[in-house]
Amino acid sequence: KMFVTTCRLAAALVLLVALGTTTAFQGIGFRHAGLDSRLSARRGFGPHSRGPMRILKGAEMSGVMEKGSVAPKDSPENRNLGPHIRVGKKGIILNLWGLWIMTFSVFIALFGYAYLEIRFLLGMLTFGLLKPRAEHCCWIMHAWCRLILWMACSNPKVLGLQNLPPKDETILVAANHLSWFDVPVLSGYLGGRSIWSFAKAELVKVPILGTYMRAAEHIMVSRDSRKSQMESLKAAIATIKQKRSVFIFPEGTRSMDGDLRPFKGGAFTIARKTGARIVPVTLIGNDEVFPADALMPIRPGRGLMQMVIHPPIDPTGRTDEELLELTRAAIASALPRAQGPAAAAAP
């Protein structure tokens, strides 16, 4: 609690300035294409620049899709990015709002990282007595996720909390995967429950984040290795048997267009073998705040992001295929029509 409170106080003043800046460029200031052009000329970046980064004109800004409609990818429909750059060969977007979030996220993570390193050192000096437990590290991740979303003005609207089983029951949460923001939402807003996750093995190599992942004993998996996938399946079963709840994305990867992708069967094998009830969760709007073509979130998410928690599914007496169909139907039931199974099946 002291960790969260200290970080909130340290960032409160900066947040006020950032909110004012965001209101300006989201509302009126930088929507005008002429201003974007002047900024582009002043910085030496232009729409015809050969470099890896450039500031775009307003006409190149793509729009956020309205519910029930499908917009062409990168279509110029009211996505007010403000002054921004495109980074690297793929042209990943970074605007002022994303730069602000990246700055305070790293700043806050450094506090947690320093705390963990001190605890690891104390653990060595005390022969493991003061070494942080995985549950403790998982709670730090939970607090960090809530704080990041709060600072980013992206607290999701949560529906169906009453459907969550008691905290002392180990569950398997299955959710659709839209955005990098899905993990903070699930980690921070499932009724205060500590929860473990599957993560790409490459994330262990990322500074600071890798330390968290290893210390909390999250489940690492390599998509390119069948052996790693089988080992992660066994690790997930062992994690649940240790009374640790787990969340998983049955699609296996992010949906680039928001449509619900086909499910893989691993999650349902885990549920059947452990007896843990599956809690389907529908995530909505995260991709409008943190889209696939952005390095960081491009806008505040309050009022856009929702998480719908469905009643749990008991695996007893059911096959993997039955569990898959029930879970998929529950998740799809709360999605906008343009993102449901019908949209995914359309040519």
Protein backbone atom coordinates (compact mmCIF):
# COMPACT_ATOMS: atom_id res chain seq x y z
CA LYS A 1 0.00 0.00 0.00
CA MET A 2 2.86 2.38 0.78
CA PHE A 3 4.39 1.59 -2.61
CA VAL A 4 1.18 2.52 -4.44
CA THR A 5 0.56 5.64 -2.33
CA THR A 6 4.11 6.94 -2.77
CA CYS A 7 4.02 6.49 -6.54
CA ARG A 8 0.65 8.20 -6.79
CA LEU A 9 1.84 11.22 -4.84
CA ALA A 10 5.07 11.43 -6.83
CA ALA A 11 3.20 11.46 -10.14
CA ALA A 12 0.14 13.55 -9.18
CA LEU A 13 1.58 16.92 -10.24
CA VAL A 14 2.88 15.54 -13.51
CA LEU A 15 -0.54 14.01 -14.17
CA LEU A 16 -2.23 17.41 -13.92
CA VAL A 17 0.11 18.85 -16.53
CA ALA A 18 -0.31 15.81 -18.77
CA LEU A 19 -4.09 15.94 -18.56
CA GLY A 20 -4.07 19.59 -19.61
CA THR A 21 -1.75 18.82 -22.51
CA THR A 22 -3.84 15.83 -23.55
CA THR A 23 -7.06 17.82 -23.46
CA ALA A 24 -5.47 20.39 -25.73
CA PHE A 25 -4.14 18.10 -28.43
CA GLN A 26 -7.02 15.60 -28.24
CA GLY A 27 -9.68 18.30 -28.36
CA ILE A 28 -8.68 21.18 -30.62
CA GLY A 29 -5.02 22.02 -30.88
CA PHE A 30 -3.45 19.58 -33.31
CA ARG A 31 -6.33 18.31 -35.38
CA HIS A 32 -5.71 20.95 -38.01
CA ALA A 33 -3.61 19.56 -40.83
CA GLY A 34 -1.89 22.91 -41.36
CA LEU A 35 -0.48 22.90 -37.83
CA ASP A 36 0.77 19.35 -38.33
CA SER A 37 2.52 20.52 -41.51
CA ARG A 38 4.21 23.43 -39.75
CA LEU A 39 5.38 21.12 -36.96
CA SER A 40 6.67 18.67 -39.56
CA ALA A 41 8.65 21.36 -41.40
CA ARG A 42 10.06 22.77 -38.15
CA ARG A 43 11.46 19.39 -37.06
CA GLY A 44 12.82 18.37 -40.46
CA PHE A 45 10.46 15.42 -40.80
CA GLY A 46 7.96 15.38 -43.61
CA PRO A 47 5.48 13.07 -45.26
CA HIS A 48 8.14 12.24 -47.85
CA SER A 49 10.96 11.76 -45.39
CA ARG A 50 13.21 8.76 -46.06
CA GLY A 51 14.04 8.38 -42.38
CA PRO A 52 12.45 5.78 -40.07
CA MET A 53 10.41 8.44 -38.21
CA ARG A 54 8.07 11.14 -39.47
CA ILE A 55 5.26 13.39 -38.27
CA LEU A 56 2.06 12.70 -40.18
CA LYS A 57 -0.43 15.08 -41.66
CA GLY A 58 -3.95 15.11 -40.28
CA ALA A 59 -5.24 13.48 -43.46
CA GLU A 60 -3.13 10.39 -42.73
CA MET A 61 -4.61 9.80 -39.30
CA SER A 62 -6.74 6.67 -39.20
CA GLY A 63 -10.01 6.51 -37.31
CA VAL A 64 -11.44 4.54 -34.44
CA MET A 65 -14.24 2.28 -35.58
CA GLU A 66 -17.69 2.82 -34.18
CA LYS A 67 -19.42 -0.21 -32.73
CA GLY A 68 -21.21 -2.21 -35.38
CA SER A 69 -19.21 -0.70 -38.28
CA VAL A 70 -16.08 -1.85 -40.04
CA ALA A 71 -13.57 0.77 -41.17
CA PRO A 72 -10.72 0.06 -43.56
CA LYS A 73 -7.35 -0.30 -41.90
CA ASP A 74 -5.49 3.01 -41.62
CA SER A 75 -8.55 4.94 -42.89
CA PRO A 76 -8.60 8.63 -41.88
CA GLU A 77 -11.61 8.54 -39.54
CA ASN A 78 -11.17 10.80 -36.55
CA ARG A 79 -8.27 9.11 -34.78
CA ASN A 80 -6.80 12.27 -33.28
CA LEU A 81 -3.22 11.29 -32.67
CA GLY A 82 -1.88 14.80 -32.39
CA PRO A 83 1.78 15.35 -33.33
CA HIS A 84 3.39 11.94 -33.52
CA ILE A 85 6.16 9.95 -35.10
CA ARG A 86 6.33 6.56 -36.74
CA VAL A 87 9.19 4.46 -35.45
CA GLY A 88 11.11 1.79 -37.33
CA LYS A 89 10.38 -0.06 -40.55
CA LYS A 90 6.86 -1.01 -39.45
CA GLY A 91 5.97 2.60 -38.70
CA ILE A 92 4.86 2.04 -35.10
CA ILE A 93 3.06 5.13 -33.75
CA LEU A 94 4.25 7.14 -30.75
CA ASN A 95 2.41 10.37 -29.86
CA LEU A 96 2.63 12.75 -26.88
CA TRP A 97 0.18 10.75 -24.80
CA GLY A 98 2.15 7.55 -25.41
CA LEU A 99 5.41 9.30 -24.55
CA TRP A 100 3.90 10.45 -21.24
CA ILE A 101 2.70 6.95 -20.39
CA MET A 102 6.05 5.40 -21.34
CA THR A 103 7.88 7.89 -19.12
CA PHE A 104 5.89 7.39 -15.93
CA SER A 105 5.54 3.61 -16.49
CA VAL A 106 9.31 3.19 -16.53
CA PHE A 107 9.69 5.64 -13.63
CA ILE A 108 7.27 3.67 -11.43
CA ALA A 109 8.66 0.30 -12.52
CA LEU A 110 12.13 1.39 -11.42
CA PHE A 111 10.87 1.79 -7.85
CA GLY A 112 9.50 -1.74 -7.85
CA TYR A 113 12.62 -3.09 -9.52
CA ALA A 114 14.86 -1.46 -6.90
CA TYR A 115 12.67 -2.88 -4.14
CA LEU A 116 12.89 -6.39 -5.59
CA GLU A 117 16.66 -6.20 -6.02
CA ILE A 118 17.03 -5.12 -2.38
CA ARG A 119 14.83 -8.02 -1.28
CA PHE A 120 16.86 -10.44 -3.38
CA LEU A 121 20.06 -9.15 -1.77
CA LEU A 122 18.54 -9.47 1.71
CA GLY A 123 17.41 -12.96 0.77
CA MET A 124 20.99 -13.93 -0.09
CA LEU A 125 22.32 -12.46 3.16
CA THR A 126 19.66 -14.20 5.24
CA PHE A 127 19.88 -17.55 3.40
CA GLY A 128 16.48 -17.07 1.75
CA LEU A 129 14.60 -15.84 4.80
CA LEU A 130 13.83 -12.41 3.35
CA LYS A 131 13.66 -13.42 -0.30
CA PRO A 132 10.38 -12.15 -1.84
CA ARG A 133 7.81 -14.87 -2.45
CA ALA A 134 6.18 -15.29 -5.85
CA GLU A 135 2.84 -14.20 -4.36
CA HIS A 136 4.45 -10.99 -3.15
CA CYS A 137 5.93 -10.27 -6.59
CA CYS A 138 2.58 -11.01 -8.22
CA TRP A 139 0.93 -8.48 -5.90
CA ILE A 140 3.51 -5.86 -6.94
CA MET A 141 2.60 -6.52 -10.58
CA HIS A 142 -1.09 -6.20 -9.66
CA ALA A 143 -0.46 -2.83 -7.95
CA TRP A 144 1.71 -1.61 -10.84
CA CYS A 145 -0.98 -2.49 -13.41
CA ARG A 146 -3.71 -0.67 -11.49
CA LEU A 147 -1.48 2.36 -11.03
CA ILE A 148 -0.50 2.48 -14.71
CA LEU A 149 -4.13 2.34 -15.84
CA TRP A 150 -5.13 4.96 -13.26
CA MET A 151 -2.35 7.30 -14.35
CA ALA A 152 -3.22 6.69 -18.01
CA CYS A 153 -6.88 7.63 -17.34
CA SER A 154 -7.76 4.16 -18.62
CA ASN A 155 -9.60 2.52 -15.74
CA PRO A 156 -11.90 -0.01 -17.41
CA LYS A 157 -15.59 -0.27 -16.67
CA VAL A 158 -16.00 -3.70 -15.07
CA LEU A 159 -19.28 -5.58 -15.42
CA GLY A 160 -20.15 -8.91 -13.81
CA LEU A 161 -17.86 -8.86 -10.76
CA GLN A 162 -20.57 -10.82 -8.96
CA ASN A 163 -19.80 -13.75 -11.29
CA LEU A 164 -16.30 -14.18 -9.87
CA PRO A 165 -15.96 -17.17 -7.52
CA PRO A 166 -14.65 -16.53 -3.98
CA LYS A 167 -11.00 -15.48 -3.79
CA ASP A 168 -9.99 -18.73 -2.14
CA GLU A 169 -11.12 -20.69 -5.21
CA THR A 170 -8.49 -21.24 -7.90
CA ILE A 171 -9.81 -20.34 -11.34
CA LEU A 172 -8.72 -20.25 -14.97
CA VAL A 173 -9.61 -16.96 -16.65
CA ALA A 174 -10.01 -17.08 -20.44
CA ALA A 175 -10.24 -13.78 -22.35
CA ASN A 176 -10.13 -12.46 -25.89
CA HIS A 177 -6.90 -10.69 -26.81
CA LEU A 178 -7.05 -7.24 -28.44
CA SER A 179 -4.17 -5.18 -27.11
CA TRP A 180 -1.09 -4.98 -24.90
CA PHE A 181 -3.42 -3.28 -22.39
CA ASP A 182 -5.29 -6.58 -21.89
CA VAL A 183 -2.70 -7.86 -19.41
CA PRO A 184 -2.83 -4.80 -17.07
CA VAL A 185 -6.63 -4.89 -17.16
CA LEU A 186 -6.81 -8.56 -16.21
CA SER A 187 -4.01 -8.29 -13.65
CA GLY A 188 -5.43 -5.21 -11.99
CA TYR A 189 -9.22 -5.46 -12.08
CA LEU A 190 -10.31 -9.01 -11.35
CA GLY A 191 -11.70 -8.16 -7.94
CA GLY A 192 -8.31 -7.71 -6.24
CA ARG A 193 -7.33 -11.29 -7.02
CA SER A 194 -3.67 -12.14 -7.59
CA ILE A 195 -3.41 -13.96 -10.88
CA TRP A 196 -0.61 -15.55 -12.88
CA SER A 197 -0.30 -15.40 -16.64
CA PHE A 198 1.22 -16.99 -19.70
CA ALA A 199 3.90 -14.79 -21.28
CA LYS A 200 6.22 -14.98 -24.25
CA ALA A 201 9.61 -16.38 -23.28
CA GLU A 202 11.31 -13.41 -24.96
CA LEU A 203 9.90 -11.06 -22.29
CA VAL A 204 12.29 -12.54 -19.73
CA LYS A 205 15.11 -10.76 -21.59
CA VAL A 206 13.44 -7.34 -21.26
CA PRO A 207 15.13 -5.26 -18.52
CA ILE A 208 13.03 -4.75 -15.36
CA LEU A 209 10.03 -6.62 -16.78
CA GLY A 210 12.03 -9.84 -17.00
CA THR A 211 12.93 -9.55 -13.33
CA TYR A 212 9.27 -9.24 -12.39
CA MET A 213 8.26 -12.20 -14.57
CA ARG A 214 10.90 -14.51 -13.15
CA ALA A 215 10.35 -13.45 -9.55
CA ALA A 216 6.58 -13.89 -9.78
CA GLU A 217 7.02 -17.30 -11.47
CA HIS A 218 4.76 -16.51 -14.41
CA ILE A 219 4.45 -19.21 -17.07
CA MET A 220 6.85 -18.72 -19.98
CA VAL A 221 6.07 -20.13 -23.41
CA SER A 222 7.79 -19.99 -26.79
CA ARG A 223 5.38 -20.02 -29.73
CA ASP A 224 8.00 -21.50 -32.05
CA SER A 225 8.78 -24.51 -29.89
CA ARG A 226 6.36 -27.41 -29.53
CA LYS A 227 8.41 -28.67 -26.60
CA SER A 228 8.12 -25.29 -24.84
CA GLN A 229 4.36 -25.29 -25.37
CA MET A 230 4.04 -28.72 -23.75
CA GLU A 231 6.24 -27.62 -20.85
CA SER A 232 4.14 -24.49 -20.36
CA LEU A 233 1.01 -26.66 -20.27
CA LYS A 234 2.54 -28.74 -17.49
CA ALA A 235 3.70 -25.56 -15.70
CA ALA A 236 0.18 -24.12 -15.83
CA ILE A 237 -1.27 -27.30 -14.34
CA ALA A 238 1.36 -27.20 -11.58
CA THR A 239 0.62 -23.51 -10.94
CA ILE A 240 -3.10 -24.15 -10.51
CA LYS A 241 -2.39 -27.08 -8.20
CA GLN A 242 -0.42 -24.60 -6.04
CA LYS A 243 -3.71 -22.70 -5.57
CA ARG A 244 -2.68 -19.93 -7.96
CA SER A 245 -5.27 -18.63 -10.42
CA VAL A 246 -4.15 -18.26 -14.04
CA PHE A 247 -5.35 -16.24 -17.01
CA ILE A 248 -4.86 -17.22 -20.62
CA PHE A 249 -5.74 -15.94 -24.08
CA PRO A 250 -7.17 -18.96 -25.96
CA GLU A 251 -6.60 -17.20 -29.30
CA GLY A 252 -2.88 -17.52 -28.66
CA THR A 253 -2.01 -14.03 -29.91
CA ARG A 254 -3.50 -10.58 -30.37
CA SER A 255 -6.21 -10.04 -32.92
CA MET A 256 -4.89 -7.44 -35.35
CA ASP A 257 -8.37 -6.37 -36.51
CA GLY A 258 -10.35 -6.84 -33.30
CA ASP A 259 -12.24 -9.90 -34.57
CA LEU A 260 -12.43 -12.99 -32.38
CA ARG A 261 -9.88 -15.48 -33.71
CA PRO A 262 -10.12 -19.30 -33.54
CA PHE A 263 -9.36 -20.76 -30.10
CA LYS A 264 -6.60 -23.20 -29.30
CA GLY A 265 -7.28 -26.14 -27.01
CA GLY A 266 -4.55 -25.84 -24.37
CA ALA A 267 -6.57 -23.77 -21.90
CA PHE A 268 -9.37 -26.30 -21.83
CA THR A 269 -7.02 -29.23 -21.33
CA ILE A 270 -5.65 -27.38 -18.30
CA ALA A 271 -9.15 -26.84 -16.91
CA ARG A 272 -10.20 -30.45 -17.46
CA LYS A 273 -7.05 -31.89 -15.86
CA THR A 274 -7.10 -29.58 -12.82
CA GLY A 275 -10.84 -29.22 -12.31
CA ALA A 276 -10.49 -25.43 -12.13
CA ARG A 277 -13.58 -23.57 -13.27
CA ILE A 278 -13.19 -21.40 -16.38
CA VAL A 279 -14.22 -17.76 -16.04
CA PRO A 280 -14.80 -16.29 -19.53
CA VAL A 281 -13.97 -12.58 -19.80
CA THR A 282 -14.77 -10.25 -22.69
CA LEU A 283 -12.45 -7.28 -23.21
CA ILE A 284 -13.84 -4.37 -25.24
CA GLY A 285 -12.22 -1.18 -26.49
CA ASN A 286 -8.64 -1.84 -25.41
CA ASP A 287 -7.53 -1.82 -29.05
CA GLU A 288 -8.99 1.66 -29.53
CA VAL A 289 -6.74 2.94 -26.75
CA PHE A 290 -3.63 0.85 -27.43
CA PRO A 291 -3.90 -0.38 -31.05
CA ALA A 292 -1.62 -2.91 -32.67
CA ASP A 293 0.15 -0.22 -34.72
CA ALA A 294 1.18 1.83 -31.66
CA LEU A 295 4.25 1.63 -29.45
CA MET A 296 2.27 3.01 -26.50
CA PRO A 297 -1.39 3.95 -25.86
CA ILE A 298 -2.52 6.78 -28.12
CA ARG A 299 -5.31 8.23 -25.98
CA PRO A 300 -6.99 8.01 -22.54
CA GLY A 301 -9.24 4.97 -22.30
CA ARG A 302 -11.76 5.95 -19.64
CA GLY A 303 -15.22 5.47 -21.11
CA LEU A 304 -13.89 3.29 -23.95
CA MET A 305 -12.51 0.23 -22.15
CA GLN A 306 -14.81 -2.40 -20.66
CA MET A 307 -14.34 -5.81 -19.10
CA VAL A 308 -17.30 -8.18 -18.89
CA ILE A 309 -16.97 -11.13 -16.51
CA HIS A 310 -19.24 -14.08 -17.34
CA PRO A 311 -20.49 -16.87 -15.03
CA PRO A 312 -17.89 -19.63 -14.47
CA ILE A 313 -17.98 -22.86 -16.47
CA ASP A 314 -17.50 -26.14 -14.60
CA PRO A 315 -15.23 -28.55 -16.54
CA THR A 316 -16.57 -31.63 -14.74
CA GLY A 317 -17.91 -34.19 -17.21
CA ARG A 318 -17.16 -32.04 -20.26
CA THR A 319 -14.73 -32.58 -23.13
CA ASP A 320 -12.15 -30.03 -24.26
CA GLU A 321 -14.26 -29.28 -27.34
CA GLU A 322 -17.37 -28.61 -25.26
CA LEU A 323 -15.44 -26.31 -22.93
CA LEU A 324 -13.99 -24.46 -25.91
CA GLU A 325 -17.41 -23.88 -27.48
CA LEU A 326 -19.00 -22.75 -24.20
CA THR A 327 -16.15 -20.36 -23.45
CA ARG A 328 -16.07 -18.92 -26.95
CA ALA A 329 -19.84 -18.40 -26.98
CA ALA A 330 -19.70 -16.59 -23.62
CA ILE A 331 -16.88 -14.25 -24.72
CA ALA A 332 -18.51 -13.55 -28.09
CA SER A 333 -21.88 -12.76 -26.48
CA ALA A 334 -20.60 -9.42 -25.14
CA LEU A 335 -18.56 -8.34 -28.16
CA PRO A 336 -19.79 -5.67 -30.59
CA ARG A 337 -21.31 -7.39 -33.59
CA ALA A 338 -18.46 -6.32 -35.87
CA GLN A 339 -15.97 -8.20 -33.67
CA GLY A 340 -17.86 -11.43 -33.04
CA PRO A 341 -17.51 -14.85 -34.71
CA ALA A 342 -19.65 -13.78 -37.68
CA ALA A 343 -17.21 -10.98 -38.48
CA ALA A 344 -14.24 -13.31 -38.15
CA ALA A 345 -15.81 -15.82 -40.51
CA ALA A 346 -16.71 -13.21 -43.13
CA PRO A 347 -14.51 -13.06 -46.24
